Amino acid sequence: MTWSTRELAQLAGTTVNTIRHYHRLGLIEEPRRRYNGYKQYGVQDLVRLLRIRRLTELGVPLSRIGEIGADGDLTPDDLRQVDAELAADIERLQRARSGIAAILRDGAPADTPAGFESVAGRLSGPDSSIIHIYRQLYDEDAMTDLRRMVEADTDPIGDDIDSLPPDADEATRQRLAEKLAPTLARHLADYPWLSDPAAHLSKSEHLPRQTFIDAVVELYNPAQIDVLRRASVLAREAGNDRR
């Protein structure tokens, strides 16, 4: 008994394109052809195809199936490795579903940094961008603290800084810095690690520092950077006075 490619696909519960793909990968040998040029598959081809289908159902990559060959088999260690990879995939998918649920719940943009969905409305474009970068540099405890800082900041000063033009005058810069300084001082008091973040870094210390500098220069205009610098100085001076 022989079958055409389409008949073989129907028997195996797959598609003609899948069978052709397996041919290209060398997972199934090219069969004999009939006098009219059509391929004719036999029982061994069907068994091989069904065997491949079973392994793919178990999550075995096609590249690994190609390595074991037509008569080979997966060892228990091979299966344990596949199982570990599947567990990692499940964990990743669960995180993705949790993220989607949070985005839908809070009406946040889909590209909001993970964990900041509930405060997405308070983040400017540059703020959101720099938090994305922070997630690559700091551990989860630090990111939780950063979210709490955003939640606690209800002063509209952020909107003023976001709209600050690069050529803002001296008086405007100083006024905004003085308004922002108390918030920064409070953060420094509540989260002392901000003054020495080494314990919360996920990368080497030099990389986060330089990355932070590069990101700030790229994402904020000169007047905004100047306001942040002035406010930081004022906040640290206020902290020193309290101590």
C-alpha atoms as a PDB file:
ATOM      1  CA  MET A   1       0.000   0.000   0.000  1.00  0.00           C
ATOM      2  CA  THR A   2       1.382   3.412  -0.905  1.00  0.00           C
ATOM      3  CA  TRP A   3       0.095   6.928  -0.434  1.00  0.00           C
ATOM      4  CA  SER A   4       0.556  10.303  -2.040  1.00  0.00           C
ATOM      5  CA  THR A   5       1.923  13.235  -0.028  1.00  0.00           C
ATOM      6  CA  ARG A   6      -1.579  14.528   0.577  1.00  0.00           C
ATOM      7  CA  GLU A   7      -2.855  11.106   1.658  1.00  0.00           C
ATOM      8  CA  LEU A   8       0.120  10.642   3.981  1.00  0.00           C
ATOM      9  CA  ALA A   9      -0.559  14.039   5.539  1.00  0.00           C
ATOM     10  CA  GLN A  10      -4.199  13.113   6.125  1.00  0.00           C
ATOM     11  CA  LEU A  11      -3.266   9.798   7.724  1.00  0.00           C
ATOM     12  CA  ALA A  12      -0.746  11.436  10.049  1.00  0.00           C
ATOM     13  CA  GLY A  13      -2.967  14.384  10.938  1.00  0.00           C
ATOM     14  CA  THR A  14      -0.562  16.952   9.554  1.00  0.00           C
ATOM     15  CA  THR A  15      -0.114  19.044   6.413  1.00  0.00           C
ATOM     16  CA  VAL A  16       1.640  18.655   3.099  1.00  0.00           C
ATOM     17  CA  ASN A  17       3.804  21.670   3.901  1.00  0.00           C
ATOM     18  CA  THR A  18       4.921  20.030   7.158  1.00  0.00           C
ATOM     19  CA  ILE A  19       5.998  16.889   5.300  1.00  0.00           C
ATOM     20  CA  ARG A  20       7.910  18.999   2.785  1.00  0.00           C
ATOM     21  CA  HIS A  21       9.558  20.840   5.662  1.00  0.00           C
ATOM     22  CA  TYR A  22      10.639  17.507   7.192  1.00  0.00           C
ATOM     23  CA  HIS A  23      12.107  16.542   3.824  1.00  0.00           C
ATOM     24  CA  ARG A  24      14.136  19.750   3.732  1.00  0.00           C
ATOM     25  CA  LEU A  25      15.449  19.064   7.242  1.00  0.00           C
ATOM     26  CA  GLY A  26      16.326  15.495   6.336  1.00  0.00           C
ATOM     27  CA  LEU A  27      13.955  14.024   8.910  1.00  0.00           C
ATOM     28  CA  ILE A  28      12.126  11.980   6.264  1.00  0.00           C
ATOM     29  CA  GLU A  29      13.843  10.516   3.233  1.00  0.00           C
ATOM     30  CA  GLU A  30      12.536  11.314  -0.220  1.00  0.00           C
ATOM     31  CA  PRO A  31      10.333   8.375  -1.321  1.00  0.00           C
ATOM     32  CA  ARG A  32      10.156   6.605  -4.631  1.00  0.00           C
ATOM     33  CA  ARG A  33       8.102   8.213  -7.355  1.00  0.00           C
ATOM     34  CA  ARG A  34       5.400   6.714  -9.495  1.00  0.00           C
ATOM     35  CA  TYR A  35       5.579   6.626 -13.276  1.00  0.00           C
ATOM     36  CA  ASN A  36       3.730   9.980 -13.329  1.00  0.00           C
ATOM     37  CA  GLY A  37       6.293  11.649 -11.046  1.00  0.00           C
ATOM     38  CA  TYR A  38       4.154  11.698  -7.912  1.00  0.00           C
ATOM     39  CA  LYS A  39       5.772  10.583  -4.652  1.00  0.00           C
ATOM     40  CA  GLN A  40       4.622   7.315  -3.164  1.00  0.00           C
ATOM     41  CA  TYR A  41       5.015   6.753   0.566  1.00  0.00           C
ATOM     42  CA  GLY A  42       4.927   3.423   2.337  1.00  0.00           C
ATOM     43  CA  VAL A  43       4.267   2.118   5.829  1.00  0.00           C
ATOM     44  CA  GLN A  44       7.783   2.933   7.052  1.00  0.00           C
ATOM     45  CA  ASP A  45       7.358   6.545   5.930  1.00  0.00           C
ATOM     46  CA  LEU A  46       4.072   6.760   7.815  1.00  0.00           C
ATOM     47  CA  VAL A  47       5.620   5.264  10.950  1.00  0.00           C
ATOM     48  CA  ARG A  48       8.576   7.671  10.756  1.00  0.00           C
ATOM     49  CA  LEU A  49       6.227  10.625  10.340  1.00  0.00           C
ATOM     50  CA  LEU A  50       4.035   9.525  13.254  1.00  0.00           C
ATOM     51  CA  ARG A  51       7.136   9.016  15.387  1.00  0.00           C
ATOM     52  CA  ILE A  52       8.344  12.535  14.619  1.00  0.00           C
ATOM     53  CA  ARG A  53       4.894  13.879  15.396  1.00  0.00           C
ATOM     54  CA  ARG A  54       4.932  12.155  18.784  1.00  0.00           C
ATOM     55  CA  LEU A  55       8.327  13.587  19.673  1.00  0.00           C
ATOM     56  CA  THR A  56       7.271  17.100  18.669  1.00  0.00           C
ATOM     57  CA  GLU A  57       4.156  16.710  20.830  1.00  0.00           C
ATOM     58  CA  LEU A  58       6.515  16.035  23.743  1.00  0.00           C
ATOM     59  CA  GLY A  59       8.347  19.262  22.983  1.00  0.00           C
ATOM     60  CA  VAL A  60      11.460  17.717  21.423  1.00  0.00           C
ATOM     61  CA  PRO A  61      13.027  20.232  18.985  1.00  0.00           C
ATOM     62  CA  LEU A  62      13.239  19.138  15.354  1.00  0.00           C
ATOM     63  CA  SER A  63      17.007  19.638  15.453  1.00  0.00           C
ATOM     64  CA  ARG A  64      17.264  17.071  18.257  1.00  0.00           C
ATOM     65  CA  ILE A  65      15.019  14.648  16.369  1.00  0.00           C
ATOM     66  CA  GLY A  66      17.369  14.910  13.417  1.00  0.00           C
ATOM     67  CA  GLU A  67      20.323  14.054  15.640  1.00  0.00           C
ATOM     68  CA  ILE A  68      18.877  10.789  16.929  1.00  0.00           C
ATOM     69  CA  GLY A  69      18.119   9.506  13.408  1.00  0.00           C
ATOM     70  CA  ALA A  70      15.460   7.136  12.170  1.00  0.00           C
ATOM     71  CA  ASP A  71      16.282   4.255  14.507  1.00  0.00           C
ATOM     72  CA  GLY A  72      17.541   6.178  17.516  1.00  0.00           C
ATOM     73  CA  ASP A  73      15.775   7.114  20.723  1.00  0.00           C
ATOM     74  CA  LEU A  74      15.954   9.744  23.422  1.00  0.00           C
ATOM     75  CA  THR A  75      17.735   8.802  26.630  1.00  0.00           C
ATOM     76  CA  PRO A  76      16.218   9.583  30.032  1.00  0.00           C
ATOM     77  CA  ASP A  77      18.701  12.467  30.354  1.00  0.00           C
ATOM     78  CA  ASP A  78      17.536  13.803  26.997  1.00  0.00           C
ATOM     79  CA  LEU A  79      13.947  13.704  28.177  1.00  0.00           C
ATOM     80  CA  ARG A  80      14.835  15.405  31.463  1.00  0.00           C
ATOM     81  CA  GLN A  81      16.509  18.190  29.526  1.00  0.00           C
ATOM     82  CA  VAL A  82      13.441  18.609  27.326  1.00  0.00           C
ATOM     83  CA  ASP A  83      11.257  18.635  30.439  1.00  0.00           C
ATOM     84  CA  ALA A  84      13.408  21.376  32.007  1.00  0.00           C
ATOM     85  CA  GLU A  85      13.125  23.439  28.836  1.00  0.00           C
ATOM     86  CA  LEU A  86       9.358  22.968  28.809  1.00  0.00           C
ATOM     87  CA  ALA A  87       9.172  24.064  32.449  1.00  0.00           C
ATOM     88  CA  ALA A  88      11.117  27.212  31.581  1.00  0.00           C
ATOM     89  CA  ASP A  89       8.774  27.873  28.648  1.00  0.00           C
ATOM     90  CA  ILE A  90       5.727  27.421  30.885  1.00  0.00           C
ATOM     91  CA  GLU A  91       7.157  29.852  33.425  1.00  0.00           C
ATOM     92  CA  ARG A  92       7.851  32.396  30.668  1.00  0.00           C
ATOM     93  CA  LEU A  93       4.316  32.006  29.297  1.00  0.00           C
ATOM     94  CA  GLN A  94       2.822  32.389  32.771  1.00  0.00           C
ATOM     95  CA  ARG A  95       4.776  35.620  33.244  1.00  0.00           C
ATOM     96  CA  ALA A  96       3.548  36.808  29.848  1.00  0.00           C
ATOM     97  CA  ARG A  97      -0.069  36.048  30.782  1.00  0.00           C
ATOM     98  CA  SER A  98       0.331  37.850  34.110  1.00  0.00           C
ATOM     99  CA  GLY A  99       1.780  40.834  32.274  1.00  0.00           C
ATOM    100  CA  ILE A 100      -1.099  40.911  29.794  1.00  0.00           C
ATOM    101  CA  ALA A 101      -3.604  40.662  32.642  1.00  0.00           C
ATOM    102  CA  ALA A 102      -1.976  43.632  34.397  1.00  0.00           C
ATOM    103  CA  ILE A 103      -1.932  45.689  31.183  1.00  0.00           C
ATOM    104  CA  LEU A 104      -5.628  44.984  30.556  1.00  0.00           C
ATOM    105  CA  ARG A 105      -6.532  45.631  34.189  1.00  0.00           C
ATOM    106  CA  ASP A 106      -4.812  49.014  34.335  1.00  0.00           C
ATOM    107  CA  GLY A 107      -5.344  50.086  30.743  1.00  0.00           C
ATOM    108  CA  ALA A 108      -1.594  50.513  30.303  1.00  0.00           C
ATOM    109  CA  PRO A 109       0.275  50.587  26.984  1.00  0.00           C
ATOM    110  CA  ALA A 110       1.481  47.135  25.951  1.00  0.00           C
ATOM    111  CA  ASP A 111       5.144  48.200  26.126  1.00  0.00           C
ATOM    112  CA  THR A 112       4.915  49.503  29.704  1.00  0.00           C
ATOM    113  CA  PRO A 113       7.864  48.243  31.811  1.00  0.00           C
ATOM    114  CA  ALA A 114       6.931  45.087  33.697  1.00  0.00           C
ATOM    115  CA  GLY A 115       5.582  45.855  37.162  1.00  0.00           C
ATOM    116  CA  PHE A 116       4.764  49.489  36.328  1.00  0.00           C
ATOM    117  CA  GLU A 117       1.371  48.925  34.676  1.00  0.00           C
ATOM    118  CA  SER A 118      -0.555  50.524  37.550  1.00  0.00           C
ATOM    119  CA  VAL A 119       1.486  53.756  37.297  1.00  0.00           C
ATOM    120  CA  ALA A 120       1.906  53.878  33.523  1.00  0.00           C
ATOM    121  CA  GLY A 121      -0.176  57.056  33.313  1.00  0.00           C
ATOM    122  CA  ARG A 122       2.370  58.900  35.434  1.00  0.00           C
ATOM    123  CA  LEU A 123       5.351  57.987  33.269  1.00  0.00           C
ATOM    124  CA  SER A 124       6.555  60.232  30.484  1.00  0.00           C
ATOM    125  CA  GLY A 125       8.108  58.682  27.399  1.00  0.00           C
ATOM    126  CA  PRO A 126      11.672  59.212  28.689  1.00  0.00           C
ATOM    127  CA  ASP A 127      10.693  57.941  32.160  1.00  0.00           C
ATOM    128  CA  SER A 128       9.275  54.734  30.702  1.00  0.00           C
ATOM    129  CA  SER A 129      12.357  54.286  28.537  1.00  0.00           C
ATOM    130  CA  ILE A 130      14.775  54.696  31.410  1.00  0.00           C
ATOM    131  CA  ILE A 131      12.808  52.261  33.589  1.00  0.00           C
ATOM    132  CA  HIS A 132      13.121  49.693  30.796  1.00  0.00           C
ATOM    133  CA  ILE A 133      16.890  50.195  31.047  1.00  0.00           C
ATOM    134  CA  TYR A 134      16.804  50.016  34.854  1.00  0.00           C
ATOM    135  CA  ARG A 135      15.203  46.579  34.646  1.00  0.00           C
ATOM    136  CA  GLN A 136      18.369  45.327  32.959  1.00  0.00           C
ATOM    137  CA  LEU A 137      20.629  46.866  35.588  1.00  0.00           C
ATOM    138  CA  TYR A 138      18.905  46.444  38.962  1.00  0.00           C
ATOM    139  CA  ASP A 139      17.332  43.570  40.881  1.00  0.00           C
ATOM    140  CA  GLU A 140      13.621  43.091  41.575  1.00  0.00           C
ATOM    141  CA  ASP A 141      13.799  44.674  45.045  1.00  0.00           C
ATOM    142  CA  ALA A 142      15.151  47.871  43.532  1.00  0.00           C
ATOM    143  CA  MET A 143      12.461  47.884  40.831  1.00  0.00           C
ATOM    144  CA  THR A 144       9.762  47.414  43.478  1.00  0.00           C
ATOM    145  CA  ASP A 145      11.122  50.427  45.340  1.00  0.00           C
ATOM    146  CA  LEU A 146      11.179  52.492  42.134  1.00  0.00           C
ATOM    147  CA  ARG A 147       7.528  51.658  41.502  1.00  0.00           C
ATOM    148  CA  ARG A 148       6.672  52.749  45.044  1.00  0.00           C
ATOM    149  CA  MET A 149       8.447  56.041  44.402  1.00  0.00           C
ATOM    150  CA  VAL A 150       6.351  56.635  41.307  1.00  0.00           C
ATOM    151  CA  GLU A 151       3.182  55.729  43.242  1.00  0.00           C
ATOM    152  CA  ALA A 152       4.089  58.197  45.991  1.00  0.00           C
ATOM    153  CA  ASP A 153       4.825  61.076  43.607  1.00  0.00           C
ATOM    154  CA  THR A 154       1.486  62.857  43.217  1.00  0.00           C
ATOM    155  CA  ASP A 155       2.972  66.338  42.780  1.00  0.00           C
ATOM    156  CA  PRO A 156       2.403  67.679  39.238  1.00  0.00           C
ATOM    157  CA  ILE A 157       6.012  68.898  39.128  1.00  0.00           C
ATOM    158  CA  GLY A 158       6.759  65.980  36.828  1.00  0.00           C
ATOM    159  CA  ASP A 159       4.524  67.437  34.120  1.00  0.00           C
ATOM    160  CA  ASP A 160       6.371  70.747  34.351  1.00  0.00           C
ATOM    161  CA  ILE A 161       9.715  69.037  33.918  1.00  0.00           C
ATOM    162  CA  ASP A 162       8.433  66.892  31.031  1.00  0.00           C
ATOM    163  CA  SER A 163       7.355  70.015  29.131  1.00  0.00           C
ATOM    164  CA  LEU A 164      10.493  72.009  29.975  1.00  0.00           C
ATOM    165  CA  PRO A 165      12.131  73.329  26.764  1.00  0.00           C
ATOM    166  CA  PRO A 166      15.879  72.847  26.322  1.00  0.00           C
ATOM    167  CA  ASP A 167      16.493  76.616  26.452  1.00  0.00           C
ATOM    168  CA  ALA A 168      14.536  77.220  29.672  1.00  0.00           C
ATOM    169  CA  ASP A 169      15.826  80.233  31.589  1.00  0.00           C
ATOM    170  CA  GLU A 170      17.809  80.162  34.813  1.00  0.00           C
ATOM    171  CA  ALA A 171      14.933  81.195  37.060  1.00  0.00           C
ATOM    172  CA  THR A 172      12.630  78.478  35.718  1.00  0.00           C
ATOM    173  CA  ARG A 173      15.273  75.802  36.165  1.00  0.00           C
ATOM    174  CA  GLN A 174      15.986  76.844  39.752  1.00  0.00           C
ATOM    175  CA  ARG A 175      12.289  77.060  40.616  1.00  0.00           C
ATOM    176  CA  LEU A 176      11.609  73.536  39.338  1.00  0.00           C
ATOM    177  CA  ALA A 177      14.711  72.167  41.065  1.00  0.00           C
ATOM    178  CA  GLU A 178      13.561  73.624  44.382  1.00  0.00           C
ATOM    179  CA  LYS A 179      10.090  72.100  43.914  1.00  0.00           C
ATOM    180  CA  LEU A 180      11.527  68.676  43.016  1.00  0.00           C
ATOM    181  CA  ALA A 181      14.181  68.564  45.754  1.00  0.00           C
ATOM    182  CA  PRO A 182      11.853  67.645  48.672  1.00  0.00           C
ATOM    183  CA  THR A 183      10.552  64.629  46.762  1.00  0.00           C
ATOM    184  CA  LEU A 184      14.085  63.465  46.003  1.00  0.00           C
ATOM    185  CA  ALA A 185      15.114  64.053  49.614  1.00  0.00           C
ATOM    186  CA  ARG A 186      12.201  61.924  50.798  1.00  0.00           C
ATOM    187  CA  HIS A 187      13.186  59.130  48.424  1.00  0.00           C
ATOM    188  CA  LEU A 188      16.784  59.238  49.628  1.00  0.00           C
ATOM    189  CA  ALA A 189      15.576  58.990  53.221  1.00  0.00           C
ATOM    190  CA  ASP A 190      13.096  56.189  52.540  1.00  0.00           C
ATOM    191  CA  TYR A 191      15.397  54.196  50.254  1.00  0.00           C
ATOM    192  CA  PRO A 192      18.993  54.658  51.453  1.00  0.00           C
ATOM    193  CA  TRP A 193      20.320  52.276  48.797  1.00  0.00           C
ATOM    194  CA  LEU A 194      19.791  55.037  46.216  1.00  0.00           C
ATOM    195  CA  SER A 195      22.966  56.666  47.520  1.00  0.00           C
ATOM    196  CA  ASP A 196      24.903  53.414  47.156  1.00  0.00           C
ATOM    197  CA  PRO A 197      23.048  51.017  44.822  1.00  0.00           C
ATOM    198  CA  ALA A 198      25.854  48.438  44.545  1.00  0.00           C
ATOM    199  CA  ALA A 199      23.920  45.812  46.524  1.00  0.00           C
ATOM    200  CA  HIS A 200      21.017  45.988  44.070  1.00  0.00           C
ATOM    201  CA  LEU A 201      22.980  45.840  40.821  1.00  0.00           C
ATOM    202  CA  SER A 202      22.561  42.863  38.508  1.00  0.00           C
ATOM    203  CA  LYS A 203      25.559  43.921  36.394  1.00  0.00           C
ATOM    204  CA  SER A 204      29.064  45.072  37.212  1.00  0.00           C
ATOM    205  CA  GLU A 205      29.101  48.455  38.941  1.00  0.00           C
ATOM    206  CA  HIS A 206      30.790  50.345  36.102  1.00  0.00           C
ATOM    207  CA  LEU A 207      28.284  49.252  33.452  1.00  0.00           C
ATOM    208  CA  PRO A 208      25.138  50.569  35.220  1.00  0.00           C
ATOM    209  CA  ARG A 209      26.782  53.905  36.034  1.00  0.00           C
ATOM    210  CA  GLN A 210      27.882  54.561  32.466  1.00  0.00           C
ATOM    211  CA  THR A 211      24.625  53.199  31.045  1.00  0.00           C
ATOM    212  CA  PHE A 212      22.637  55.504  33.324  1.00  0.00           C
ATOM    213  CA  ILE A 213      24.686  58.528  32.260  1.00  0.00           C
ATOM    214  CA  ASP A 214      24.324  57.693  28.570  1.00  0.00           C
ATOM    215  CA  ALA A 215      20.568  57.110  28.928  1.00  0.00           C
ATOM    216  CA  VAL A 216      19.928  60.375  30.770  1.00  0.00           C
ATOM    217  CA  VAL A 217      21.906  62.391  28.215  1.00  0.00           C
ATOM    218  CA  GLU A 218      20.044  60.713  25.357  1.00  0.00           C
ATOM    219  CA  LEU A 219      16.522  60.790  26.794  1.00  0.00           C
ATOM    220  CA  TYR A 220      16.353  64.203  28.520  1.00  0.00           C
ATOM    221  CA  ASN A 221      17.141  67.639  27.172  1.00  0.00           C
ATOM    222  CA  PRO A 222      19.875  69.860  28.713  1.00  0.00           C
ATOM    223  CA  ALA A 223      17.440  71.941  30.774  1.00  0.00           C
ATOM    224  CA  GLN A 224      15.757  68.848  32.233  1.00  0.00           C
ATOM    225  CA  ILE A 225      19.132  67.338  33.112  1.00  0.00           C
ATOM    226  CA  ASP A 226      20.164  70.590  34.772  1.00  0.00           C
ATOM    227  CA  VAL A 227      16.984  70.617  36.869  1.00  0.00           C
ATOM    228  CA  LEU A 228      17.572  67.015  37.948  1.00  0.00           C
ATOM    229  CA  ARG A 229      21.183  67.807  38.835  1.00  0.00           C
ATOM    230  CA  ARG A 230      20.240  70.889  40.877  1.00  0.00           C
ATOM    231  CA  ALA A 231      17.404  69.070  42.636  1.00  0.00           C
ATOM    232  CA  SER A 232      19.730  66.180  43.491  1.00  0.00           C
ATOM    233  CA  VAL A 233      22.247  68.565  45.055  1.00  0.00           C
ATOM    234  CA  LEU A 234      19.533  70.319  47.065  1.00  0.00           C
ATOM    235  CA  ALA A 235      18.061  67.000  48.212  1.00  0.00           C
ATOM    236  CA  ARG A 236      21.424  65.710  49.427  1.00  0.00           C
ATOM    237  CA  GLU A 237      22.119  68.971  51.212  1.00  0.00           C
ATOM    238  CA  ALA A 238      18.744  68.718  52.945  1.00  0.00           C
ATOM    239  CA  GLY A 239      19.535  65.172  53.970  1.00  0.00           C
ATOM    240  CA  ASN A 240      22.900  66.194  55.385  1.00  0.00           C
ATOM    241  CA  ASP A 241      21.238  69.012  57.332  1.00  0.00           C
ATOM    242  CA  ARG A 242      18.776  66.570  58.881  1.00  0.00           C
ATOM    243  CA  ARG A 243      21.585  64.231  59.895  1.00  0.00           C
END
